[in-house]
Structures are given as C-alpha cells and as structure tokens.
Amino acid sequence: MKFFETSKQYSFKKSTYVNLRWIGIVGQLIAVNFVYLILNFKFNFLLSNLIIIFGVFSNFYLIYVYKKTQLSDRSAFVFLFLDIIQLGTLLYLTGGIVNPFVIFLLIPSVFSSSNLSFKTNSLLVSLTGILIIILTFYSTDLPLPLRDHFHVSPYYYFSIPIALIVALVFLNYFAMTFGSQSRLRKDALSKMEEVMAKEHELLSLGGQAAAAAHSLGTPLSTIKIITQDLAKQLEGNKEFEKDIELLTSQVERCNEILKRLSLNPVEEDDFIDKDLTVREYLSEIISSFKEISDKNFVFNFDQDSNPKKITKSIEIVYGLRNFIGNANKFSRGKIFINLKSDSEITEITVEDDGDGYPKDILPKIGEPYLKTSYSEAKSKTGLGLGLFIGKTLLEKNFASLNFRNSKTRSGAEVIISWRNSDLFNI
C-alpha cells in the first residue's frame, strides 16, 4: 500500500496563532491603560485603544469566520502584516522608535520565519524594516512627562533603529535556517517511519503467510516437479507407483501444514522467529545481495567471535542492509565486510572499492538530503537519506557509527560498533 505524500504547502496552526495574538492584545491593553490611568501619562488614549480593539475584532474574525484549522502562507502573511501595522501605529502614537516596546515589532516576522515560505518571510522582514525607518523619522513624542526628561545624542537615537534592523535580519536568518533543517529532518523521519511501517506490516503477515510459504516451499516444489514428469503416466502404471505415493504424501503434508496454521494462527517458524548471532545476521544479509548483484562480497570474521545470539530486530537488519547496499551500489567490484567481536565490543566494518565519500559532505554524513558541491561526484551520489535512516535505526539500538574514507582502499568505510552489554540486551 502506498501512502499519499503529505502536503509541502507552508502553514501553521490557527489556534496557536490566535492564542499568541490574545496574549499580545491583553498585554497592549494593560500597558496602555496602566500608563494612562495609573501613571497619568498623557497621549492619544482613545485612538490607542481603538487600534487595540481592531486587533480584537481581527482575532474574532479568525475564530468565527475563518474556518480552516491551518493558516495558509497567504492568509498568514495578511494577518501578520496587519499585526505589524497595528503595532506600528500604536508605537507611532506613543513615541515611535524610542518607545521601549518597539522591540515587539520583531516578533511577527520571527514567528513566521520557521513556518512560512522564504518569499513571505522576506516580505515581512522588509515591511518591518521599512516601518522601523518610518518610526525613526515620523512619530509623536513620548507621552508626558517623559518627553520633558528624555534627551539623548543623535548617535544614540539612530543606533536604536540600526540595532533593531540588525537583530531583525539576524533572528530571521537563523530561524529560517533552523526551520528549514527541521522540516528536512521531519520529512526524512516520516520516510523512515513509512519504511519501517512496511517492514512491520510484512512481519505481521510473517507469522502466518511467511511461515506457511516457507514450510510449504519444499513440498509444493516437489509436487510441481512430479506433476510435470508424470502428467500423462500416473494411472495403472506400476513403474511410477513410488512417484505417485510420494506425490500423495506431499499433498497430505501440505494439508497438515495448512490445518495446523488455521488451528493456531500464531504459529511460529524458525525461519522468521529464531534468534541469530551477529555473524548469522551478516551472512543472511550478504546472501540476499549476492542473489541480485554480480559484485564480490568478501566477509571476514574472527573464528572465535562471540557466539551469543541476539533477538532478531527489523531495525538492525534494515540498518545493516542500508550500509551494505550502499557499498554494493558505489563499489567498482568488491565489498569488504569485517566482523570483530570480543568479550566487550562487537564491531562491523563495511568498505568498498569505489570513489569514497565526497570530502565536503563527509563531516555531515547522517544528515538527510545532502548534496556535494563537486560536479564530478553529483551524478554518483544520492540524497543521503539511506545513510540517515541506517544511522538513525542503528543508533536507536545503541550502536556507535564512524564514517570515513578507507585508509587502505579507495572507497568509503563505515564502522559500526556496540558494547556487548548493550547489544545483547536489545
């Protein structure tokens, strides 16, 4: 079953945005009324409250009229733009750039930077920067009696908008960068979860279907061979009596297996459920690649390697398969797999004789969606998603991984190691 891909449209949750706006509106109401009624500062009190009430009505519009649970990129831009204008107008009436609350102008664009598109963020940053410049040159004075006591050098005055614009660009750049990385990692993890869901689905079928297929494989093959040979020579021919008896016994055997599975749906089978040593893990994986690849797999292991068995794990199997599959994909002709195990450590090394990891992505291996800057290597490399999935799955099972280019051969090398105390308690 193939799942639909999730939408890549930028958006954020309406309820979160509405709650943040309520916090801002309540804060503005408290600040304006406290300064006017308690501290007796003089400014345009009525118009300031009308501007705040405009924010209240726009929030009610979001709650009761705008029915979607997610704000689209365009809708988010409109409402964030209104927030910037509303707060800018309020600051215009209360001192402009020297009002200490001017710092709040940065919030709408920073809030959007990790959730919305680059184009939308750039527009909001530009509009906020323009508004900061406007408030620097055009605004009412600070409320009385502050205006009578606030006198600063022009150097200090103009340093305020410069500092705000620098902070605006700096914060938005980092929020956009981290937001982009977070989305990539989330997308990669979703793909990994989809892969593992398919593996678990196969395993859940394995209790019955795979056990039946494995158990019935030999008798059904025998039936097929015999029926081909004896198709027209069965009845009344003593020369073929033994073959007929064998065919009958195999049919009975198939019936017994099916009957046993129907009576006991959790029938276990050694092929699926048995525990394995690490060497058996690797042998099984290498055998599966040899069936589809014409390359040479060289498997070296200590004769006295730890014979202790571990529970068969989809995560470990899939993680190891990813790295061996990568070596198979990028090698010229040989893949070298080494297993070392003692009383404390179990270590697996996978090498190939290919071109190795590009130097510019080597320090970043394990991150999803990597691209090399070397033009000659671009056509030979993937997106790094397989390495990300393999690394994540194995680290989840207590493995430590080290990526490098081989010191003895031309290709890539990955070293996977476990402390035995962790590996045998999985």
Protein backbone atom coordinates (compact mmCIF):
# COMPACT_ATOMS: atom_id res chain seq x y z
CA MET A 1 0.00 0.00 0.00
CA LYS A 2 1.41 3.41 -1.00
CA PHE A 3 0.54 6.30 1.29
CA PHE A 4 -0.22 9.77 -0.05
CA GLU A 5 2.61 12.21 0.49
CA THR A 6 1.93 14.96 2.99
CA SER A 7 1.43 18.44 1.61
CA LYS A 8 4.53 20.56 1.32
CA GLN A 9 2.48 23.80 1.47
CA TYR A 10 3.69 26.15 4.19
CA SER A 11 1.22 26.79 7.00
CA PHE A 12 0.88 26.97 10.75
CA LYS A 13 -1.79 26.11 13.28
CA LYS A 14 -4.51 28.73 13.62
CA SER A 15 -5.25 28.06 17.30
CA THR A 16 -1.60 28.64 18.26
CA TYR A 17 -1.52 31.93 16.37
CA VAL A 18 -4.84 33.08 17.86
CA ASN A 19 -3.61 32.35 21.40
CA LEU A 20 -0.40 34.31 20.81
CA ARG A 21 -2.41 37.23 19.47
CA TRP A 22 -4.63 37.20 22.57
CA ILE A 23 -1.51 37.41 24.73
CA GLY A 24 -0.27 40.39 22.69
CA ILE A 25 -3.66 42.16 22.74
CA VAL A 26 -4.11 41.74 26.51
CA GLY A 27 -0.55 42.97 27.05
CA GLN A 28 -1.19 46.07 24.92
CA LEU A 29 -4.44 46.84 26.77
CA ILE A 30 -2.76 46.53 30.16
CA ALA A 31 0.23 48.66 29.12
CA VAL A 32 -1.84 51.48 27.53
CA ASN A 33 -4.42 51.71 30.31
CA PHE A 34 -1.89 51.34 33.15
CA VAL A 35 0.31 54.14 31.81
CA TYR A 36 -2.64 56.44 31.19
CA LEU A 37 -4.85 55.75 34.24
CA ILE A 38 -2.29 54.87 36.93
CA LEU A 39 0.88 56.74 35.92
CA ASN A 40 -1.07 59.68 34.43
CA PHE A 41 0.99 59.82 31.22
CA LYS A 42 -0.60 61.97 28.50
CA PHE A 43 -1.01 60.61 24.94
CA ASN A 44 -3.84 59.83 22.50
CA PHE A 45 -5.54 57.33 24.80
CA LEU A 46 -8.80 56.89 22.84
CA LEU A 47 -7.18 56.26 19.45
CA SER A 48 -4.67 53.85 21.02
CA ASN A 49 -7.49 51.76 22.48
CA LEU A 50 -9.36 51.82 19.16
CA ILE A 51 -6.28 50.39 17.43
CA ILE A 52 -6.08 47.60 20.02
CA ILE A 53 -9.81 46.88 19.57
CA PHE A 54 -9.13 46.45 15.85
CA GLY A 55 -6.80 43.59 16.84
CA VAL A 56 -9.59 42.09 18.98
CA PHE A 57 -12.03 42.10 16.04
CA SER A 58 -9.45 40.57 13.68
CA ASN A 59 -8.93 37.78 16.21
CA PHE A 60 -12.69 37.17 16.40
CA TYR A 61 -12.70 37.00 12.60
CA LEU A 62 -10.04 34.27 12.76
CA ILE A 63 -12.03 32.33 15.36
CA TYR A 64 -15.57 32.56 13.97
CA VAL A 65 -15.29 33.37 10.25
CA TYR A 66 -12.02 31.79 9.09
CA LYS A 67 -13.00 28.11 9.32
CA LYS A 68 -9.72 26.42 8.41
CA THR A 69 -7.59 24.94 11.19
CA GLN A 70 -4.35 25.88 9.39
CA LEU A 71 -3.41 29.33 8.15
CA SER A 72 -2.12 29.15 4.60
CA ASP A 73 1.01 31.00 3.56
CA ARG A 74 -1.00 33.83 2.01
CA SER A 75 -3.51 34.14 4.88
CA ALA A 76 -0.71 34.10 7.44
CA PHE A 77 1.06 36.90 5.56
CA VAL A 78 -2.10 39.06 5.58
CA PHE A 79 -2.72 38.69 9.31
CA LEU A 80 0.95 39.09 10.28
CA PHE A 81 1.12 42.20 8.10
CA LEU A 82 -1.93 43.59 9.95
CA ASP A 83 -0.20 42.80 13.26
CA ILE A 84 2.88 44.76 12.19
CA ILE A 85 0.80 47.74 11.01
CA GLN A 86 -1.36 47.68 14.17
CA LEU A 87 1.64 47.63 16.49
CA GLY A 88 3.48 50.20 14.33
CA THR A 89 0.51 52.59 14.54
CA LEU A 90 0.34 52.15 18.32
CA LEU A 91 4.07 52.91 18.58
CA TYR A 92 3.63 55.94 16.30
CA LEU A 93 1.17 57.40 18.82
CA THR A 94 3.43 56.70 21.82
CA GLY A 95 6.93 57.88 20.96
CA GLY A 96 8.00 55.91 17.89
CA ILE A 97 11.46 54.41 17.83
CA VAL A 98 12.33 55.46 21.40
CA ASN A 99 9.35 53.62 22.88
CA PRO A 100 10.92 50.63 24.69
CA PHE A 101 8.13 48.38 23.38
CA VAL A 102 9.41 48.85 19.81
CA ILE A 103 11.26 45.53 20.21
CA PHE A 104 7.91 43.77 19.80
CA LEU A 105 7.91 44.77 16.12
CA LEU A 106 10.35 41.90 15.51
CA ILE A 107 8.00 39.21 16.81
CA PRO A 108 5.61 38.73 13.82
CA SER A 109 8.39 38.17 11.27
CA VAL A 110 10.44 35.97 13.62
CA PHE A 111 7.33 33.92 14.45
CA SER A 112 6.66 33.33 10.75
CA SER A 113 10.25 32.63 9.70
CA SER A 114 10.31 28.97 10.74
CA ASN A 115 6.83 28.19 9.38
CA LEU A 116 6.27 30.15 6.17
CA SER A 117 7.96 30.38 2.79
CA PHE A 118 11.13 32.32 2.08
CA LYS A 119 9.21 34.80 -0.08
CA THR A 120 6.66 35.54 2.66
CA ASN A 121 9.37 35.88 5.31
CA SER A 122 11.39 38.23 3.10
CA LEU A 123 8.34 40.44 2.56
CA LEU A 124 7.57 40.59 6.28
CA VAL A 125 11.19 41.37 7.16
CA SER A 126 11.29 44.12 4.51
CA LEU A 127 8.00 45.66 5.70
CA THR A 128 9.16 45.56 9.32
CA GLY A 129 12.46 47.23 8.35
CA ILE A 130 10.60 49.97 6.43
CA LEU A 131 8.29 50.56 9.39
CA ILE A 132 11.27 50.86 11.77
CA ILE A 133 12.79 53.51 9.47
CA ILE A 134 9.47 55.38 9.26
CA LEU A 135 9.11 55.40 13.06
CA THR A 136 12.66 56.76 13.32
CA PHE A 137 11.73 59.95 11.46
CA TYR A 138 7.97 60.24 11.90
CA SER A 139 6.12 59.78 15.18
CA THR A 140 4.54 61.69 18.04
CA ASP A 141 6.65 62.49 21.05
CA LEU A 142 6.84 60.26 24.10
CA PRO A 143 3.90 60.70 26.49
CA LEU A 144 4.16 63.49 29.01
CA PRO A 145 6.06 63.82 31.33
CA LEU A 146 8.64 61.50 29.71
CA ARG A 147 9.22 63.83 26.73
CA ASP A 148 10.47 66.56 29.07
CA HIS A 149 13.18 64.33 30.51
CA PHE A 150 14.26 62.15 27.57
CA HIS A 151 17.20 63.78 25.76
CA VAL A 152 19.84 61.68 24.01
CA SER A 153 22.62 62.19 21.49
CA PRO A 154 21.70 61.69 17.80
CA TYR A 155 24.30 58.88 17.76
CA TYR A 156 22.34 57.02 20.39
CA TYR A 157 18.99 57.84 18.78
CA PHE A 158 19.94 56.46 15.36
CA SER A 159 21.69 53.45 16.85
CA ILE A 160 18.29 52.17 18.03
CA PRO A 161 16.84 51.50 14.52
CA ILE A 162 20.20 50.16 13.31
CA ALA A 163 20.31 47.68 16.21
CA LEU A 164 16.68 46.67 15.58
CA ILE A 165 17.26 46.05 11.87
CA VAL A 166 20.42 44.03 12.55
CA ALA A 167 18.55 41.96 15.14
CA LEU A 168 15.62 41.55 12.72
CA VAL A 169 17.83 40.15 9.94
CA PHE A 170 19.94 38.03 12.31
CA LEU A 171 16.99 36.41 14.11
CA ASN A 172 15.05 35.74 10.92
CA TYR A 173 18.06 34.25 9.14
CA PHE A 174 18.70 31.77 11.93
CA ALA A 175 15.02 30.97 12.42
CA MET A 176 14.61 30.30 8.68
CA THR A 177 17.77 28.16 8.60
CA PHE A 178 16.78 26.07 11.61
CA GLY A 179 13.18 25.83 10.38
CA SER A 180 14.34 24.53 7.01
CA GLN A 181 16.62 21.95 8.63
CA SER A 182 13.83 20.91 10.97
CA ARG A 183 11.42 20.37 8.05
CA LEU A 184 14.00 18.29 6.17
CA ARG A 185 14.67 16.12 9.20
CA LYS A 186 10.94 15.72 9.85
CA ASP A 187 10.38 14.70 6.23
CA ALA A 188 13.26 12.19 6.41
CA LEU A 189 11.94 10.74 9.66
CA SER A 190 8.50 10.39 8.09
CA LYS A 191 10.02 8.43 5.22
CA MET A 192 11.91 6.26 7.70
CA GLU A 193 8.71 5.59 9.66
CA GLU A 194 6.93 4.67 6.42
CA VAL A 195 9.71 2.21 5.53
CA MET A 196 9.61 0.66 9.00
CA ALA A 197 5.80 0.50 8.91
CA LYS A 198 6.05 -1.54 5.72
CA GLU A 199 8.66 -3.79 7.34
CA HIS A 200 6.42 -4.30 10.38
CA GLU A 201 3.47 -4.98 8.09
CA LEU A 202 5.46 -7.71 6.38
CA LEU A 203 6.49 -9.11 9.74
CA SER A 204 2.90 -9.14 10.97
CA LEU A 205 1.98 -11.15 7.88
CA GLY A 206 5.01 -13.32 8.51
CA GLY A 207 3.50 -15.12 11.48
CA GLN A 208 1.13 -16.91 9.13
CA ALA A 209 1.85 -16.13 5.48
CA ALA A 210 5.66 -16.24 5.60
CA ALA A 211 5.67 -19.31 7.85
CA ALA A 212 3.24 -21.06 5.51
CA ALA A 213 5.19 -20.04 2.41
CA HIS A 214 8.45 -21.25 3.93
CA SER A 215 7.01 -24.50 5.26
CA LEU A 216 5.16 -25.28 2.03
CA GLY A 217 8.02 -24.32 -0.27
CA THR A 218 9.65 -27.76 -0.47
CA PRO A 219 6.51 -29.90 -0.83
CA LEU A 220 4.96 -27.61 -3.41
CA SER A 221 8.16 -27.65 -5.43
CA THR A 222 8.18 -31.43 -5.25
CA ILE A 223 4.57 -31.61 -6.42
CA LYS A 224 5.34 -29.33 -9.31
CA ILE A 225 8.33 -31.43 -10.46
CA ILE A 226 6.47 -34.70 -10.17
CA THR A 227 3.31 -33.49 -11.92
CA GLN A 228 5.41 -32.24 -14.82
CA ASP A 229 7.15 -35.61 -15.17
CA LEU A 230 4.13 -37.85 -14.63
CA ALA A 231 1.33 -35.80 -16.14
CA LYS A 232 0.11 -38.47 -18.51
CA GLN A 233 1.58 -41.61 -16.92
CA LEU A 234 0.00 -41.94 -13.47
CA GLU A 235 -2.99 -44.28 -13.52
CA GLY A 236 -2.35 -48.03 -13.60
CA ASN A 237 1.36 -47.79 -14.27
CA LYS A 238 3.29 -49.75 -11.64
CA GLU A 239 6.57 -48.29 -12.86
CA PHE A 240 5.54 -44.97 -11.35
CA GLU A 241 3.86 -46.18 -8.16
CA LYS A 242 6.59 -44.81 -5.90
CA ASP A 243 6.30 -41.39 -7.54
CA ILE A 244 2.54 -41.47 -7.08
CA GLU A 245 2.95 -42.36 -3.40
CA LEU A 246 5.44 -39.55 -2.95
CA LEU A 247 3.10 -37.08 -4.63
CA THR A 248 0.25 -38.18 -2.36
CA SER A 249 2.37 -37.87 0.78
CA GLN A 250 3.41 -34.36 -0.20
CA VAL A 251 -0.21 -33.33 -0.74
CA GLU A 252 -1.04 -34.68 2.71
CA ARG A 253 1.85 -32.80 4.19
CA CYS A 254 0.59 -29.54 2.66
CA ASN A 255 -2.85 -30.19 4.08
CA GLU A 256 -1.41 -30.82 7.54
CA ILE A 257 0.55 -27.58 7.48
CA LEU A 258 -2.48 -25.55 6.40
CA LYS A 259 -4.62 -27.25 9.03
CA ARG A 260 -2.06 -26.50 11.73
CA LEU A 261 -1.90 -22.84 10.70
CA SER A 262 -5.67 -22.48 10.68
CA LEU A 263 -5.97 -24.00 14.15
CA ASN A 264 -3.09 -21.95 15.57
CA PRO A 265 -2.84 -18.52 13.91
CA VAL A 266 0.25 -17.55 15.95
CA GLU A 267 2.21 -20.50 14.60
CA GLU A 268 5.90 -19.74 14.92
CA ASP A 269 8.54 -20.68 12.42
CA ASP A 270 12.30 -20.89 12.96
CA PHE A 271 12.91 -19.17 9.65
CA ILE A 272 11.32 -15.98 10.99
CA ASP A 273 11.45 -16.14 14.75
CA LYS A 274 14.82 -17.63 15.62
CA ASP A 275 17.49 -15.59 17.37
CA LEU A 276 20.74 -15.04 15.49
CA THR A 277 24.39 -14.34 16.13
CA VAL A 278 25.82 -11.19 14.56
CA ARG A 279 27.72 -13.36 12.09
CA GLU A 280 24.47 -15.03 11.03
CA TYR A 281 22.86 -11.61 10.65
CA LEU A 282 25.58 -10.54 8.25
CA SER A 283 25.67 -13.87 6.39
CA GLU A 284 21.93 -13.68 5.79
CA ILE A 285 22.12 -10.08 4.53
CA ILE A 286 25.15 -10.76 2.30
CA SER A 287 23.41 -13.82 0.79
CA SER A 288 20.40 -11.70 -0.14
CA PHE A 289 22.66 -9.23 -2.01
CA LYS A 290 24.58 -11.98 -3.79
CA GLU A 291 21.32 -13.10 -5.39
CA ILE A 292 20.86 -9.74 -7.13
CA SER A 293 24.43 -8.46 -7.53
CA ASP A 294 27.37 -9.68 -9.58
CA LYS A 295 29.90 -7.99 -7.29
CA ASN A 296 32.28 -9.80 -4.98
CA PHE A 297 31.43 -9.77 -1.26
CA VAL A 298 34.41 -10.54 0.99
CA PHE A 299 33.25 -11.44 4.51
CA ASN A 300 35.96 -11.79 7.15
CA PHE A 301 35.27 -12.65 10.78
CA ASP A 302 37.07 -13.90 13.87
CA GLN A 303 36.74 -17.65 14.23
CA ASP A 304 36.25 -17.15 17.95
CA SER A 305 33.79 -14.27 17.56
CA ASN A 306 31.10 -14.03 20.20
CA PRO A 307 28.67 -16.94 19.63
CA LYS A 308 25.95 -15.36 21.75
CA LYS A 309 22.65 -14.85 19.95
CA ILE A 310 20.57 -11.69 19.91
CA THR A 311 16.88 -11.21 19.20
CA LYS A 312 16.18 -10.64 15.53
CA SER A 313 15.46 -6.93 15.05
CA ILE A 314 13.97 -5.27 11.97
CA GLU A 315 15.82 -2.05 12.83
CA ILE A 316 19.23 -3.73 12.96
CA VAL A 317 18.60 -5.78 9.81
CA TYR A 318 17.40 -2.76 7.86
CA GLY A 319 20.21 -0.52 9.16
CA LEU A 320 22.93 -3.02 8.21
CA ARG A 321 21.28 -3.65 4.83
CA ASN A 322 21.38 0.08 4.09
CA PHE A 323 25.14 0.32 4.59
CA ILE A 324 25.93 -2.92 2.77
CA GLY A 325 23.55 -1.85 -0.02
CA ASN A 326 25.32 1.50 -0.28
CA ALA A 327 28.67 -0.25 -0.56
CA ASN A 328 27.22 -2.52 -3.26
CA LYS A 329 25.84 0.49 -5.14
CA PHE A 330 29.01 2.60 -5.16
CA SER A 331 31.73 -0.06 -5.32
CA ARG A 332 33.58 -0.91 -8.52
CA GLY A 333 33.58 -4.62 -7.91
CA LYS A 334 34.34 -5.57 -4.29
CA ILE A 335 32.71 -5.06 -0.91
CA PHE A 336 34.65 -5.89 2.24
CA ILE A 337 32.76 -6.71 5.44
CA ASN A 338 34.73 -7.42 8.61
CA LEU A 339 33.37 -8.61 11.94
CA LYS A 340 35.37 -8.39 15.15
CA SER A 341 33.93 -9.38 18.49
CA ASP A 342 35.40 -9.95 21.92
CA SER A 343 34.06 -10.03 25.46
CA GLU A 344 33.35 -6.28 25.48
CA ILE A 345 32.90 -4.89 21.95
CA THR A 346 31.30 -6.06 18.70
CA GLU A 347 32.47 -4.13 15.63
CA ILE A 348 31.37 -4.34 11.99
CA THR A 349 33.32 -2.59 9.23
CA VAL A 350 31.84 -2.14 5.75
CA GLU A 351 34.22 -0.95 3.00
CA ASP A 352 34.03 -0.70 -0.78
CA ASP A 353 36.49 -0.04 -3.59
CA GLY A 354 34.57 2.91 -5.05
CA ASP A 355 35.39 6.63 -5.02
CA GLY A 356 34.61 7.18 -1.33
CA TYR A 357 32.60 9.95 0.31
CA PRO A 358 32.99 13.44 -1.20
CA LYS A 359 35.13 15.48 1.19
CA ASP A 360 32.60 18.30 1.57
CA ILE A 361 29.81 16.02 2.86
CA LEU A 362 31.98 13.70 4.96
CA PRO A 363 31.58 15.80 8.18
CA LYS A 364 27.79 15.98 7.64
CA ILE A 365 27.05 12.30 6.98
CA GLY A 366 23.98 11.18 8.88
CA GLU A 367 22.01 14.31 7.99
CA PRO A 368 19.24 13.88 5.39
CA TYR A 369 19.26 15.42 1.90
CA LEU A 370 22.97 16.05 1.49
CA LYS A 371 24.38 17.30 -1.81
CA THR A 372 28.02 17.57 -2.75
CA SER A 373 29.40 20.69 -4.40
CA TYR A 374 31.78 18.65 -6.54
CA SER A 375 30.26 18.45 -10.04
CA GLU A 376 32.03 15.18 -10.92
CA ALA A 377 30.53 13.46 -7.86
CA LYS A 378 26.97 14.82 -8.11
CA SER A 379 25.79 12.22 -10.62
CA LYS A 380 27.17 9.37 -8.47
CA THR A 381 25.72 10.37 -5.11
CA GLY A 382 22.22 10.23 -3.68
CA LEU A 383 20.47 12.42 -1.13
CA GLY A 384 21.96 10.81 1.96
CA LEU A 385 18.53 9.53 3.02
CA GLY A 386 19.65 5.89 3.16
CA LEU A 387 22.61 6.79 5.39
CA PHE A 388 20.32 8.89 7.60
CA ILE A 389 17.82 6.04 8.00
CA GLY A 390 20.52 3.42 8.65
CA LYS A 391 22.35 5.63 11.14
CA THR A 392 19.14 6.55 13.00
CA LEU A 393 17.95 2.94 13.24
CA LEU A 394 21.28 1.57 14.46
CA GLU A 395 21.86 4.40 16.95
CA LYS A 396 18.35 3.74 18.26
CA ASN A 397 19.67 0.23 19.02
CA PHE A 398 22.72 1.55 20.93
CA ALA A 399 25.25 1.41 18.06
CA SER A 400 28.07 3.93 17.56
CA LEU A 401 28.92 4.81 13.95
CA ASN A 402 32.01 6.32 12.37
CA PHE A 403 32.13 7.36 8.71
CA ARG A 404 35.36 7.94 6.81
CA ASN A 405 37.16 7.17 3.59
CA SER A 406 39.12 3.93 3.80
CA LYS A 407 42.78 4.22 4.73
CA THR A 408 43.68 1.00 2.93
CA ARG A 409 41.37 1.18 -0.10
CA SER A 410 39.93 3.89 -2.33
CA GLY A 411 36.34 3.67 -1.18
CA ALA A 412 34.06 4.60 1.69
CA GLU A 413 34.16 2.97 5.10
CA VAL A 414 31.64 2.81 7.92
CA ILE A 415 32.47 1.34 11.32
CA ILE A 416 29.51 0.15 13.42
CA SER A 417 30.22 -0.88 16.99
CA TRP A 418 28.27 -1.95 20.05
CA ARG A 419 29.18 -2.56 23.63
CA ASN A 420 28.16 -6.16 24.20
CA SER A 421 26.29 -5.16 27.33
CA ASP A 422 24.00 -3.05 25.10
CA LEU A 423 23.84 -5.35 22.06
CA PHE A 424 22.81 -8.49 23.90
CA ASN A 425 20.14 -6.70 25.93
CA ILE A 426 18.24 -5.31 22.95
